[in-house]
Amino acid sequence: ALRPLPKVPDAVDAKGPDAWGWRDRNGENVVV
């Protein structure tokens, strides 16, 4: 299930207070 993230992972090149994540066949997904 889509879940809110407390912060944007360091590996992701994006800034913003709002981030969500989920896991699927591609790995860990992050939306900012």
PDB file of all heavy atoms in Angstrom:
ATOM      1  N   ALA A   1       0.843  -1.198   0.000  1.00  0.00           N
ATOM      2  CA  ALA A   1       0.000   0.000   0.000  1.00  0.00           C
ATOM      3  C   ALA A   1       0.877   1.247   0.000  1.00  0.00           C
ATOM      4  O   ALA A   1       1.960   1.280   0.571  1.00  0.00           O
ATOM      5  CB  ALA A   1      -0.906  -0.010   1.224  1.00  0.00           C
ATOM      6  N   LEU A   2       0.380   2.278  -0.647  1.00  0.00           N
ATOM      7  CA  LEU A   2       1.053   3.562  -0.644  1.00  0.00           C
ATOM      8  C   LEU A   2       1.143   4.078   0.790  1.00  0.00           C
ATOM      9  O   LEU A   2       0.181   4.016   1.543  1.00  0.00           O
ATOM     10  CB  LEU A   2       0.254   4.539  -1.505  1.00  0.00           C
ATOM     11  CG  LEU A   2       0.883   5.879  -1.845  1.00  0.00           C
ATOM     12  CD1 LEU A   2       2.064   5.687  -2.779  1.00  0.00           C
ATOM     13  CD2 LEU A   2      -0.173   6.776  -2.493  1.00  0.00           C
ATOM     14  N   ARG A   3       2.304   4.569   1.162  1.00  0.00           N
ATOM     15  CA  ARG A   3       2.497   5.028   2.536  1.00  0.00           C
ATOM     16  C   ARG A   3       3.243   6.362   2.543  1.00  0.00           C
ATOM     17  O   ARG A   3       4.151   6.573   1.720  1.00  0.00           O
ATOM     18  CB  ARG A   3       3.293   3.988   3.337  1.00  0.00           C
ATOM     19  CG  ARG A   3       4.703   3.763   2.810  1.00  0.00           C
ATOM     20  CD  ARG A   3       5.367   2.529   3.402  1.00  0.00           C
ATOM     21  NE  ARG A   3       6.769   2.401   3.006  1.00  0.00           N
ATOM     22  CZ  ARG A   3       7.176   1.899   1.856  1.00  0.00           C
ATOM     23  NH1 ARG A   3       6.298   1.476   0.959  1.00  0.00           N
ATOM     24  NH2 ARG A   3       8.465   1.824   1.573  1.00  0.00           N
ATOM     25  N   PRO A   4       2.893   7.272   3.434  1.00  0.00           N
ATOM     26  CA  PRO A   4       3.647   8.520   3.562  1.00  0.00           C
ATOM     27  C   PRO A   4       5.065   8.236   4.050  1.00  0.00           C
ATOM     28  O   PRO A   4       5.277   7.347   4.882  1.00  0.00           O
ATOM     29  CB  PRO A   4       2.853   9.312   4.603  1.00  0.00           C
ATOM     30  CG  PRO A   4       1.519   8.645   4.677  1.00  0.00           C
ATOM     31  CD  PRO A   4       1.741   7.214   4.349  1.00  0.00           C
ATOM     32  N   LEU A   5       6.019   8.988   3.548  1.00  0.00           N
ATOM     33  CA  LEU A   5       7.409   8.855   3.982  1.00  0.00           C
ATOM     34  C   LEU A   5       7.769  10.044   4.865  1.00  0.00           C
ATOM     35  O   LEU A   5       7.383  11.182   4.571  1.00  0.00           O
ATOM     36  CB  LEU A   5       8.351   8.814   2.775  1.00  0.00           C
ATOM     37  CG  LEU A   5       8.148   7.656   1.788  1.00  0.00           C
ATOM     38  CD1 LEU A   5       9.149   7.768   0.628  1.00  0.00           C
ATOM     39  CD2 LEU A   5       8.282   6.308   2.478  1.00  0.00           C
ATOM     40  N   PRO A   6       8.517   9.812   5.954  1.00  0.00           N
ATOM     41  CA  PRO A   6       8.887  10.924   6.834  1.00  0.00           C
ATOM     42  C   PRO A   6       9.804  11.926   6.165  1.00  0.00           C
ATOM     43  O   PRO A   6       9.826  13.106   6.531  1.00  0.00           O
ATOM     44  CB  PRO A   6       9.575  10.222   8.014  1.00  0.00           C
ATOM     45  CG  PRO A   6      10.030   8.899   7.463  1.00  0.00           C
ATOM     46  CD  PRO A   6       9.011   8.509   6.449  1.00  0.00           C
ATOM     47  N   LYS A   7      10.586  11.456   5.173  1.00  0.00           N
ATOM     48  CA  LYS A   7      11.459  12.364   4.431  1.00  0.00           C
ATOM     49  C   LYS A   7      11.821  11.717   3.101  1.00  0.00           C
ATOM     50  O   LYS A   7      11.642  10.505   2.907  1.00  0.00           O
ATOM     51  CB  LYS A   7      12.723  12.704   5.225  1.00  0.00           C
ATOM     52  CG  LYS A   7      13.713  11.576   5.369  1.00  0.00           C
ATOM     53  CD  LYS A   7      14.910  12.012   6.182  1.00  0.00           C
ATOM     54  CE  LYS A   7      16.043  10.989   6.162  1.00  0.00           C
ATOM     55  NZ  LYS A   7      16.702  10.903   4.832  1.00  0.00           N
ATOM     56  N   VAL A   8      12.330  12.526   2.188  1.00  0.00           N
ATOM     57  CA  VAL A   8      12.773  12.018   0.893  1.00  0.00           C
ATOM     58  C   VAL A   8      14.085  11.258   1.097  1.00  0.00           C
ATOM     59  O   VAL A   8      15.017  11.783   1.713  1.00  0.00           O
ATOM     60  CB  VAL A   8      12.981  13.169  -0.110  1.00  0.00           C
ATOM     61  CG1 VAL A   8      13.476  12.633  -1.451  1.00  0.00           C
ATOM     62  CG2 VAL A   8      11.695  13.953  -0.289  1.00  0.00           C
ATOM     63  N   PRO A   9      14.193  10.007   0.622  1.00  0.00           N
ATOM     64  CA  PRO A   9      15.446   9.266   0.766  1.00  0.00           C
ATOM     65  C   PRO A   9      16.618  10.025   0.152  1.00  0.00           C
ATOM     66  O   PRO A   9      16.475  10.716  -0.867  1.00  0.00           O
ATOM     67  CB  PRO A   9      15.176   7.959   0.000  1.00  0.00           C
ATOM     68  CG  PRO A   9      13.689   7.804   0.049  1.00  0.00           C
ATOM     69  CD  PRO A   9      13.130   9.193  -0.013  1.00  0.00           C
ATOM     70  N   ASP A  10      17.787   9.893   0.764  1.00  0.00           N
ATOM     71  CA  ASP A  10      18.969  10.626   0.298  1.00  0.00           C
ATOM     72  C   ASP A  10      19.327  10.286  -1.142  1.00  0.00           C
ATOM     73  O   ASP A  10      19.885  11.123  -1.867  1.00  0.00           O
ATOM     74  CB  ASP A  10      20.169  10.314   1.207  1.00  0.00           C
ATOM     75  CG  ASP A  10      19.983  10.847   2.625  1.00  0.00           C
ATOM     76  OD1 ASP A  10      19.184  11.795   2.799  1.00  0.00           O
ATOM     77  OD2 ASP A  10      20.626  10.318   3.553  1.00  0.00           O
ATOM     78  N   ALA A  11      19.027   9.076  -1.577  1.00  0.00           N
ATOM     79  CA  ALA A  11      19.403   8.657  -2.928  1.00  0.00           C
ATOM     80  C   ALA A  11      18.561   9.314  -4.011  1.00  0.00           C
ATOM     81  O   ALA A  11      18.935   9.307  -5.186  1.00  0.00           O
ATOM     82  CB  ALA A  11      19.283   7.138  -3.048  1.00  0.00           C
ATOM     83  N   VAL A  12      17.426   9.899  -3.632  1.00  0.00           N
ATOM     84  CA  VAL A  12      16.497  10.474  -4.608  1.00  0.00           C
ATOM     85  C   VAL A  12      16.796  11.952  -4.800  1.00  0.00           C
ATOM     86  O   VAL A  12      16.860  12.719  -3.836  1.00  0.00           O
ATOM     87  CB  VAL A  12      15.041  10.272  -4.147  1.00  0.00           C
ATOM     88  CG1 VAL A  12      14.082  11.027  -5.059  1.00  0.00           C
ATOM     89  CG2 VAL A  12      14.701   8.790  -4.128  1.00  0.00           C
ATOM     90  N   ASP A  13      16.952  12.350  -6.054  1.00  0.00           N
ATOM     91  CA  ASP A  13      17.250  13.743  -6.383  1.00  0.00           C
ATOM     92  C   ASP A  13      15.953  14.527  -6.534  1.00  0.00           C
ATOM     93  O   ASP A  13      15.495  14.813  -7.642  1.00  0.00           O
ATOM     94  CB  ASP A  13      18.063  13.811  -7.678  1.00  0.00           C
ATOM     95  CG  ASP A  13      18.460  15.244  -8.041  1.00  0.00           C
ATOM     96  OD1 ASP A  13      18.432  16.107  -7.144  1.00  0.00           O
ATOM     97  OD2 ASP A  13      18.798  15.490  -9.223  1.00  0.00           O
ATOM     98  N   ALA A  14      15.324  14.840  -5.418  1.00  0.00           N
ATOM     99  CA  ALA A  14      14.087  15.615  -5.408  1.00  0.00           C
ATOM    100  C   ALA A  14      13.936  16.257  -4.043  1.00  0.00           C
ATOM    101  O   ALA A  14      14.367  15.696  -3.031  1.00  0.00           O
ATOM    102  CB  ALA A  14      12.879  14.737  -5.718  1.00  0.00           C
ATOM    103  N   LYS A  15      13.339  17.431  -4.013  1.00  0.00           N
ATOM    104  CA  LYS A  15      13.109  18.137  -2.768  1.00  0.00           C
ATOM    105  C   LYS A  15      11.619  18.364  -2.591  1.00  0.00           C
ATOM    106  O   LYS A  15      10.893  18.534  -3.555  1.00  0.00           O
ATOM    107  CB  LYS A  15      13.844  19.478  -2.768  1.00  0.00           C
ATOM    108  CG  LYS A  15      15.362  19.358  -2.855  1.00  0.00           C
ATOM    109  CD  LYS A  15      16.011  20.730  -2.859  1.00  0.00           C
ATOM    110  CE  LYS A  15      17.535  20.619  -2.950  1.00  0.00           C
ATOM    111  NZ  LYS A  15      18.176  21.966  -2.982  1.00  0.00           N
ATOM    112  N   GLY A  16      11.190  18.381  -1.362  1.00  0.00           N
ATOM    113  CA  GLY A  16       9.784  18.643  -1.106  1.00  0.00           C
ATOM    114  C   GLY A  16       9.344  18.016   0.206  1.00  0.00           C
ATOM    115  O   GLY A  16       9.856  16.975   0.607  1.00  0.00           O
ATOM    116  N   PRO A  17       8.389  18.640   0.856  1.00  0.00           N
ATOM    117  CA  PRO A  17       7.915  18.106   2.134  1.00  0.00           C
ATOM    118  C   PRO A  17       7.014  16.893   2.006  1.00  0.00           C
ATOM    119  O   PRO A  17       6.819  16.162   2.968  1.00  0.00           O
ATOM    120  CB  PRO A  17       7.144  19.290   2.733  1.00  0.00           C
ATOM    121  CG  PRO A  17       6.638  20.026   1.523  1.00  0.00           C
ATOM    122  CD  PRO A  17       7.715  19.886   0.480  1.00  0.00           C
ATOM    123  N   ASP A  18       6.441  16.676   0.807  1.00  0.00           N
ATOM    124  CA  ASP A  18       5.461  15.609   0.638  1.00  0.00           C
ATOM    125  C   ASP A  18       6.050  14.472  -0.176  1.00  0.00           C
ATOM    126  O   ASP A  18       6.404  14.645  -1.349  1.00  0.00           O
ATOM    127  CB  ASP A  18       4.206  16.138  -0.060  1.00  0.00           C
ATOM    128  CG  ASP A  18       3.518  17.234   0.741  1.00  0.00           C
ATOM    129  OD1 ASP A  18       3.474  17.110   1.977  1.00  0.00           O
ATOM    130  OD2 ASP A  18       3.043  18.200   0.133  1.00  0.00           O
ATOM    131  N   ALA A  19       6.153  13.293   0.453  1.00  0.00           N
ATOM    132  CA  ALA A  19       6.719  12.126  -0.222  1.00  0.00           C
ATOM    133  C   ALA A  19       5.968  10.873   0.197  1.00  0.00           C
ATOM    134  O   ALA A  19       5.513  10.748   1.339  1.00  0.00           O
ATOM    135  CB  ALA A  19       8.209  11.987   0.097  1.00  0.00           C
ATOM    136  N   TRP A  20       5.831   9.943  -0.741  1.00  0.00           N
ATOM    137  CA  TRP A  20       5.155   8.664  -0.498  1.00  0.00           C
ATOM    138  C   TRP A  20       5.983   7.551  -1.112  1.00  0.00           C
ATOM    139  O   TRP A  20       6.798   7.796  -2.006  1.00  0.00           O
ATOM    140  CB  TRP A  20       3.762   8.644  -1.124  1.00  0.00           C
ATOM    141  CG  TRP A  20       2.805   9.647  -0.565  1.00  0.00           C
ATOM    142  CD1 TRP A  20       1.892   9.450   0.430  1.00  0.00           C
ATOM    143  CD2 TRP A  20       2.644  11.011  -0.963  1.00  0.00           C
ATOM    144  NE1 TRP A  20       1.180  10.598   0.676  1.00  0.00           N
ATOM    145  CE2 TRP A  20       1.614  11.572  -0.165  1.00  0.00           C
ATOM    146  CE3 TRP A  20       3.282  11.818  -1.924  1.00  0.00           C
ATOM    147  CZ2 TRP A  20       1.216  12.891  -0.302  1.00  0.00           C
ATOM    148  CZ3 TRP A  20       2.876  13.140  -2.058  1.00  0.00           C
ATOM    149  CH2 TRP A  20       1.855  13.662  -1.247  1.00  0.00           C
ATOM    150  N   GLY A  21       5.750   6.326  -0.634  1.00  0.00           N
ATOM    151  CA  GLY A  21       6.515   5.212  -1.176  1.00  0.00           C
ATOM    152  C   GLY A  21       5.720   3.919  -1.204  1.00  0.00           C
ATOM    153  O   GLY A  21       4.686   3.795  -0.542  1.00  0.00           O
ATOM    154  N   TRP A  22       6.220   2.963  -1.970  1.00  0.00           N
ATOM    155  CA  TRP A  22       5.677   1.601  -2.003  1.00  0.00           C
ATOM    156  C   TRP A  22       6.742   0.694  -2.614  1.00  0.00           C
ATOM    157  O   TRP A  22       7.705   1.159  -3.214  1.00  0.00           O
ATOM    158  CB  TRP A  22       4.377   1.537  -2.830  1.00  0.00           C
ATOM    159  CG  TRP A  22       4.575   1.643  -4.317  1.00  0.00           C
ATOM    160  CD1 TRP A  22       4.798   0.626  -5.203  1.00  0.00           C
ATOM    161  CD2 TRP A  22       4.593   2.851  -5.087  1.00  0.00           C
ATOM    162  NE1 TRP A  22       4.945   1.115  -6.484  1.00  0.00           N
ATOM    163  CE2 TRP A  22       4.812   2.480  -6.435  1.00  0.00           C
ATOM    164  CE3 TRP A  22       4.425   4.200  -4.772  1.00  0.00           C
ATOM    165  CZ2 TRP A  22       4.893   3.415  -7.468  1.00  0.00           C
ATOM    166  CZ3 TRP A  22       4.504   5.134  -5.802  1.00  0.00           C
ATOM    167  CH2 TRP A  22       4.730   4.734  -7.129  1.00  0.00           C
ATOM    168  N   ARG A  23       6.573  -0.606  -2.432  1.00  0.00           N
ATOM    169  CA  ARG A  23       7.504  -1.575  -2.997  1.00  0.00           C
ATOM    170  C   ARG A  23       6.797  -2.404  -4.064  1.00  0.00           C
ATOM    171  O   ARG A  23       5.651  -2.826  -3.883  1.00  0.00           O
ATOM    172  CB  ARG A  23       8.042  -2.510  -1.905  1.00  0.00           C
ATOM    173  CG  ARG A  23       9.025  -3.568  -2.436  1.00  0.00           C
ATOM    174  CD  ARG A  23       9.286  -4.635  -1.381  1.00  0.00           C
ATOM    175  NE  ARG A  23       9.999  -4.077  -0.228  1.00  0.00           N
ATOM    176  CZ  ARG A  23      11.321  -3.988  -0.161  1.00  0.00           C
ATOM    177  NH1 ARG A  23      12.070  -4.433  -1.156  1.00  0.00           N
ATOM    178  NH2 ARG A  23      11.895  -3.479   0.908  1.00  0.00           N
ATOM    179  N   ASP A  24       7.472  -2.610  -5.194  1.00  0.00           N
ATOM    180  CA  ASP A  24       6.961  -3.515  -6.214  1.00  0.00           C
ATOM    181  C   ASP A  24       8.142  -4.176  -6.920  1.00  0.00           C
ATOM    182  O   ASP A  24       9.261  -4.180  -6.398  1.00  0.00           O
ATOM    183  CB  ASP A  24       6.013  -2.803  -7.188  1.00  0.00           C
ATOM    184  CG  ASP A  24       6.695  -1.709  -8.012  1.00  0.00           C
ATOM    185  OD1 ASP A  24       7.947  -1.654  -8.041  1.00  0.00           O
ATOM    186  OD2 ASP A  24       5.981  -0.913  -8.645  1.00  0.00           O
ATOM    187  N   ARG A  25       7.917  -4.730  -8.085  1.00  0.00           N
ATOM    188  CA  ARG A  25       8.960  -5.458  -8.797  1.00  0.00           C
ATOM    189  C   ARG A  25      10.161  -4.575  -9.150  1.00  0.00           C
ATOM    190  O   ARG A  25      11.284  -5.060  -9.323  1.00  0.00           O
ATOM    191  CB  ARG A  25       8.374  -6.062 -10.083  1.00  0.00           C
ATOM    192  CG  ARG A  25       9.223  -7.158 -10.704  1.00  0.00           C
ATOM    193  CD  ARG A  25       8.537  -7.722 -11.932  1.00  0.00           C
ATOM    194  NE  ARG A  25       8.501  -6.722 -13.013  1.00  0.00           N
ATOM    195  CZ  ARG A  25       7.785  -6.846 -14.120  1.00  0.00           C
ATOM    196  NH1 ARG A  25       6.985  -7.897 -14.270  1.00  0.00           N
ATOM    197  NH2 ARG A  25       7.825  -5.922 -15.054  1.00  0.00           N
ATOM    198  N   ASN A  26       9.937  -3.260  -9.243  1.00  0.00           N
ATOM    199  CA  ASN A  26      11.029  -2.334  -9.540  1.00  0.00           C
ATOM    200  C   ASN A  26      11.873  -2.007  -8.322  1.00  0.00           C
ATOM    201  O   ASN A  26      12.922  -1.380  -8.455  1.00  0.00           O
ATOM    202  CB  ASN A  26      10.468  -1.035 -10.122  1.00  0.00           C
ATOM    203  CG  ASN A  26      10.042  -1.182 -11.565  1.00  0.00           C
ATOM    204  OD1 ASN A  26      10.627  -1.970 -12.318  1.00  0.00           O
ATOM    205  ND2 ASN A  26       9.023  -0.433 -11.964  1.00  0.00           N
ATOM    206  N   GLY A  27      11.413  -2.371  -7.140  1.00  0.00           N
ATOM    207  CA  GLY A  27      12.134  -2.057  -5.908  1.00  0.00           C
ATOM    208  C   GLY A  27      11.341  -1.091  -5.051  1.00  0.00           C
ATOM    209  O   GLY A  27      10.115  -1.153  -4.989  1.00  0.00           O
ATOM    210  N   GLU A  28      12.054  -0.196  -4.368  1.00  0.00           N
ATOM    211  CA  GLU A  28      11.410   0.823  -3.535  1.00  0.00           C
ATOM    212  C   GLU A  28      11.074   2.033  -4.413  1.00  0.00           C
ATOM    213  O   GLU A  28      11.955   2.619  -5.036  1.00  0.00           O
ATOM    214  CB  GLU A  28      12.334   1.255  -2.396  1.00  0.00           C
ATOM    215  CG  GLU A  28      12.606   0.178  -1.368  1.00  0.00           C
ATOM    216  CD  GLU A  28      11.384  -0.103  -0.489  1.00  0.00           C
ATOM    217  OE1 GLU A  28      10.431   0.712  -0.521  1.00  0.00           O
ATOM    218  OE2 GLU A  28      11.389  -1.126   0.204  1.00  0.00           O
ATOM    219  N   ASN A  29       9.817   2.389  -4.452  1.00  0.00           N
ATOM    220  CA  ASN A  29       9.371   3.517  -5.255  1.00  0.00           C
ATOM    221  C   ASN A  29       9.131   4.729  -4.375  1.00  0.00           C
ATOM    222  O   ASN A  29       8.599   4.610  -3.262  1.00  0.00           O
ATOM    223  CB  ASN A  29       8.078   3.162  -5.985  1.00  0.00           C
ATOM    224  CG  ASN A  29       8.279   2.068  -7.015  1.00  0.00           C
ATOM    225  OD1 ASN A  29       8.481   2.331  -8.193  1.00  0.00           O
ATOM    226  ND2 ASN A  29       8.227   0.810  -6.576  1.00  0.00           N
ATOM    227  N   VAL A  30       9.497   5.897  -4.882  1.00  0.00           N
ATOM    228  CA  VAL A  30       9.358   7.140  -4.131  1.00  0.00           C
ATOM    229  C   VAL A  30       8.710   8.191  -5.027  1.00  0.00           C
ATOM    230  O   VAL A  30       9.174   8.444  -6.150  1.00  0.00           O
ATOM    231  CB  VAL A  30      10.723   7.661  -3.641  1.00  0.00           C
ATOM    232  CG1 VAL A  30      10.552   8.988  -2.890  1.00  0.00           C
ATOM    233  CG2 VAL A  30      11.404   6.631  -2.754  1.00  0.00           C
ATOM    234  N   VAL A  31       7.633   8.791  -4.537  1.00  0.00           N
ATOM    235  CA  VAL A  31       6.964   9.884  -5.231  1.00  0.00           C
ATOM    236  C   VAL A  31       7.090  11.132  -4.374  1.00  0.00           C
ATOM    237  O   VAL A  31       6.791  11.101  -3.170  1.00  0.00           O
ATOM    238  CB  VAL A  31       5.483   9.561  -5.490  1.00  0.00           C
ATOM    239  CG1 VAL A  31       4.727  10.797  -5.950  1.00  0.00           C
ATOM    240  CG2 VAL A  31       5.356   8.466  -6.531  1.00  0.00           C
ATOM    241  N   VAL A  32       7.544  12.209  -4.981  1.00  0.00           N
ATOM    242  CA  VAL A  32       7.724  13.480  -4.283  1.00  0.00           C
ATOM    243  C   VAL A  32       6.930  14.558  -5.015  1.00  0.00           C
ATOM    244  O   VAL A  32       6.977  14.639  -6.246  1.00  0.00           O
ATOM    245  CB  VAL A  32       9.217  13.884  -4.220  1.00  0.00           C
ATOM    246  CG1 VAL A  32       9.382  15.217  -3.480  1.00  0.00           C
ATOM    247  CG2 VAL A  32      10.037  12.793  -3.549  1.00  0.00           C
TER     248      VAL A  32
END
